């Protein structure tokens, strides 16, 4: 049997919110997972930051934690007019601040995969 199951119970969690919906958005809990193969004794350890939220879709609304969420979005390319396609953390940071200033909650990436640093 290669299946694993379990329950994770968090009492009175601090909910994760998109930054456009809260003054304290994006609360993340650290989740540590240890997996050990009983036959070989090999152990894997994973640490992941997780957010706890409720997402619900009705006929007319998209709700996060019971409140309507509006997807204000734009298209975005991963290149700049002077340096072309490449990772420049200062420009990425500038773009993210500009998107936040504009109230953008989502962006559609262009035709090719984005760098992991941006996502």
C-alpha atoms as a PDB file:
ATOM      1  CA  UNK A   1       0.000   0.000   0.000  1.00  0.00           C
ATOM      2  CA  UNK A   2       1.518   3.324  -1.099  1.00  0.00           C
ATOM      3  CA  UNK A   3      -1.168   5.530   0.409  1.00  0.00           C
ATOM      4  CA  UNK A   4      -0.823   7.760   3.432  1.00  0.00           C
ATOM      5  CA  UNK A   5      -3.611   9.663   5.101  1.00  0.00           C
ATOM      6  CA  UNK A   6      -4.060  11.785   8.166  1.00  0.00           C
ATOM      7  CA  UNK A   7      -5.896  14.686   9.716  1.00  0.00           C
ATOM      8  CA  UNK A   8      -4.605  18.150  10.450  1.00  0.00           C
ATOM      9  CA  UNK A   9      -6.684  20.064  12.977  1.00  0.00           C
ATOM     10  CA  UNK A  10      -6.004  23.728  13.694  1.00  0.00           C
ATOM     11  CA  UNK A  11      -8.240  25.254  16.338  1.00  0.00           C
ATOM     12  CA  UNK A  12      -9.167  28.923  15.795  1.00  0.00           C
ATOM     13  CA  UNK A  13      -6.796  29.408  12.862  1.00  0.00           C
ATOM     14  CA  UNK A  14      -5.575  32.768  11.683  1.00  0.00           C
ATOM     15  CA  UNK A  15      -6.980  32.797   8.166  1.00  0.00           C
ATOM     16  CA  UNK A  16      -4.995  33.574   5.053  1.00  0.00           C
ATOM     17  CA  UNK A  17      -6.322  36.549   3.059  1.00  0.00           C
ATOM     18  CA  UNK A  18      -5.296  37.979  -0.291  1.00  0.00           C
ATOM     19  CA  UNK A  19      -3.440  41.250   0.227  1.00  0.00           C
ATOM     20  CA  UNK A  20      -6.300  43.159  -1.442  1.00  0.00           C
ATOM     21  CA  UNK A  21      -8.767  42.020   1.246  1.00  0.00           C
ATOM     22  CA  UNK A  22      -6.959  42.533   4.542  1.00  0.00           C
ATOM     23  CA  UNK A  23      -4.528  44.746   6.403  1.00  0.00           C
ATOM     24  CA  UNK A  24      -2.788  41.541   7.595  1.00  0.00           C
ATOM     25  CA  UNK A  25      -2.811  39.322   4.512  1.00  0.00           C
ATOM     26  CA  UNK A  26      -1.087  36.095   3.739  1.00  0.00           C
ATOM     27  CA  UNK A  27      -0.740  34.546   7.206  1.00  0.00           C
ATOM     28  CA  UNK A  28       1.267  31.350   6.774  1.00  0.00           C
ATOM     29  CA  UNK A  29       1.740  28.424   9.134  1.00  0.00           C
ATOM     30  CA  UNK A  30       4.881  26.278   8.939  1.00  0.00           C
ATOM     31  CA  UNK A  31       3.992  22.671   8.081  1.00  0.00           C
ATOM     32  CA  UNK A  32       6.690  20.057   8.704  1.00  0.00           C
ATOM     33  CA  UNK A  33       6.222  16.585   7.223  1.00  0.00           C
ATOM     34  CA  UNK A  34       8.443  13.580   7.923  1.00  0.00           C
ATOM     35  CA  UNK A  35       8.050  10.509   5.727  1.00  0.00           C
ATOM     36  CA  UNK A  36       9.953   7.334   6.579  1.00  0.00           C
ATOM     37  CA  UNK A  37      10.039   4.173   4.492  1.00  0.00           C
ATOM     38  CA  UNK A  38       9.782   1.306   6.989  1.00  0.00           C
ATOM     39  CA  UNK A  39      11.634  -1.133   4.738  1.00  0.00           C
ATOM     40  CA  UNK A  40      14.637   1.008   3.857  1.00  0.00           C
ATOM     41  CA  UNK A  41      14.635   3.380   6.817  1.00  0.00           C
ATOM     42  CA  UNK A  42      15.048   6.349   4.461  1.00  0.00           C
ATOM     43  CA  UNK A  43      13.435   9.505   5.785  1.00  0.00           C
ATOM     44  CA  UNK A  44      12.349  12.540   3.792  1.00  0.00           C
ATOM     45  CA  UNK A  45      11.655  15.849   5.489  1.00  0.00           C
ATOM     46  CA  UNK A  46       9.590  18.598   3.916  1.00  0.00           C
ATOM     47  CA  UNK A  47       8.872  22.069   5.253  1.00  0.00           C
ATOM     48  CA  UNK A  48       6.125  24.045   3.592  1.00  0.00           C
ATOM     49  CA  UNK A  49       4.441  27.345   4.418  1.00  0.00           C
ATOM     50  CA  UNK A  50       0.664  26.910   4.186  1.00  0.00           C
ATOM     51  CA  UNK A  51      -2.243  29.308   4.387  1.00  0.00           C
ATOM     52  CA  UNK A  52      -5.617  28.259   5.769  1.00  0.00           C
ATOM     53  CA  UNK A  53      -8.648  29.648   3.977  1.00  0.00           C
ATOM     54  CA  UNK A  54     -12.101  28.676   2.785  1.00  0.00           C
ATOM     55  CA  UNK A  55     -12.810  29.071  -0.921  1.00  0.00           C
ATOM     56  CA  UNK A  56     -16.349  28.780  -2.206  1.00  0.00           C
ATOM     57  CA  UNK A  57     -17.847  29.390  -5.646  1.00  0.00           C
ATOM     58  CA  UNK A  58     -21.553  30.140  -5.986  1.00  0.00           C
ATOM     59  CA  UNK A  59     -23.587  30.854  -9.104  1.00  0.00           C
ATOM     60  CA  UNK A  60     -22.730  34.544  -8.847  1.00  0.00           C
ATOM     61  CA  UNK A  61     -19.713  34.954  -6.550  1.00  0.00           C
ATOM     62  CA  UNK A  62     -16.223  33.761  -5.738  1.00  0.00           C
ATOM     63  CA  UNK A  63     -15.828  33.834  -1.932  1.00  0.00           C
ATOM     64  CA  UNK A  64     -12.721  33.689   0.219  1.00  0.00           C
ATOM     65  CA  UNK A  65     -13.396  33.134   3.914  1.00  0.00           C
ATOM     66  CA  UNK A  66     -17.043  33.994   3.252  1.00  0.00           C
ATOM     67  CA  UNK A  67     -16.352  37.376   1.616  1.00  0.00           C
ATOM     68  CA  UNK A  68     -16.647  38.205  -2.105  1.00  0.00           C
ATOM     69  CA  UNK A  69     -13.316  38.339  -3.914  1.00  0.00           C
ATOM     70  CA  UNK A  70     -12.913  40.328  -7.104  1.00  0.00           C
ATOM     71  CA  UNK A  71     -10.186  39.239  -9.502  1.00  0.00           C
ATOM     72  CA  UNK A  72      -8.740  42.512 -10.725  1.00  0.00           C
ATOM     73  CA  UNK A  73      -6.101  41.277 -13.106  1.00  0.00           C
ATOM     74  CA  UNK A  74      -3.712  42.151 -15.910  1.00  0.00           C
ATOM     75  CA  UNK A  75      -1.546  40.395 -18.481  1.00  0.00           C
ATOM     76  CA  UNK A  76       2.166  40.508 -17.695  1.00  0.00           C
ATOM     77  CA  UNK A  77       5.239  39.625 -19.689  1.00  0.00           C
ATOM     78  CA  UNK A  78       8.484  38.520 -18.108  1.00  0.00           C
ATOM     79  CA  UNK A  79      10.707  40.829 -20.077  1.00  0.00           C
ATOM     80  CA  UNK A  80      11.721  44.460 -19.835  1.00  0.00           C
ATOM     81  CA  UNK A  81      12.414  46.934 -22.592  1.00  0.00           C
ATOM     82  CA  UNK A  82      16.085  47.501 -21.690  1.00  0.00           C
ATOM     83  CA  UNK A  83      17.365  44.171 -20.345  1.00  0.00           C
ATOM     84  CA  UNK A  84      15.053  41.766 -22.192  1.00  0.00           C
ATOM     85  CA  UNK A  85      14.167  38.398 -20.698  1.00  0.00           C
ATOM     86  CA  UNK A  86      16.096  37.771 -17.548  1.00  0.00           C
ATOM     87  CA  UNK A  87      15.789  37.924 -13.801  1.00  0.00           C
ATOM     88  CA  UNK A  88      16.557  41.252 -12.201  1.00  0.00           C
ATOM     89  CA  UNK A  89      15.249  41.127  -8.634  1.00  0.00           C
ATOM     90  CA  UNK A  90      15.120  44.930  -8.390  1.00  0.00           C
ATOM     91  CA  UNK A  91      12.855  45.131 -11.464  1.00  0.00           C
ATOM     92  CA  UNK A  92      10.711  42.219 -10.262  1.00  0.00           C
ATOM     93  CA  UNK A  93      10.265  43.977  -6.915  1.00  0.00           C
ATOM     94  CA  UNK A  94       9.395  47.245  -8.681  1.00  0.00           C
ATOM     95  CA  UNK A  95       6.794  45.440 -10.823  1.00  0.00           C
ATOM     96  CA  UNK A  96       5.207  43.751  -7.787  1.00  0.00           C
ATOM     97  CA  UNK A  97       4.974  47.094  -5.953  1.00  0.00           C
ATOM     98  CA  UNK A  98       3.425  48.684  -9.046  1.00  0.00           C
ATOM     99  CA  UNK A  99       0.862  45.867  -9.337  1.00  0.00           C
ATOM    100  CA  UNK A 100      -0.038  46.257  -5.649  1.00  0.00           C
ATOM    101  CA  UNK A 101      -0.356  50.034  -6.072  1.00  0.00           C
ATOM    102  CA  UNK A 102      -2.761  49.439  -8.971  1.00  0.00           C
ATOM    103  CA  UNK A 103      -4.842  47.023  -6.858  1.00  0.00           C
ATOM    104  CA  UNK A 104      -4.070  44.038  -9.069  1.00  0.00           C
ATOM    105  CA  UNK A 105      -4.994  40.743  -7.386  1.00  0.00           C
ATOM    106  CA  UNK A 106      -3.899  38.399 -10.205  1.00  0.00           C
ATOM    107  CA  UNK A 107      -1.842  38.422 -13.368  1.00  0.00           C
ATOM    108  CA  UNK A 108      -1.842  36.148 -16.379  1.00  0.00           C
ATOM    109  CA  UNK A 109       1.588  35.069 -17.439  1.00  0.00           C
ATOM    110  CA  UNK A 110       2.692  35.222 -21.049  1.00  0.00           C
ATOM    111  CA  UNK A 111       3.206  32.343 -23.450  1.00  0.00           C
ATOM    112  CA  UNK A 112       6.268  30.784 -21.840  1.00  0.00           C
ATOM    113  CA  UNK A 113       6.902  29.565 -18.285  1.00  0.00           C
ATOM    114  CA  UNK A 114       7.835  32.197 -15.720  1.00  0.00           C
ATOM    115  CA  UNK A 115      10.906  31.919 -13.546  1.00  0.00           C
ATOM    116  CA  UNK A 116      10.185  30.364 -10.140  1.00  0.00           C
ATOM    117  CA  UNK A 117      11.572  33.490  -8.427  1.00  0.00           C
ATOM    118  CA  UNK A 118       8.656  35.511  -9.756  1.00  0.00           C
ATOM    119  CA  UNK A 119       5.897  33.048  -9.020  1.00  0.00           C
END
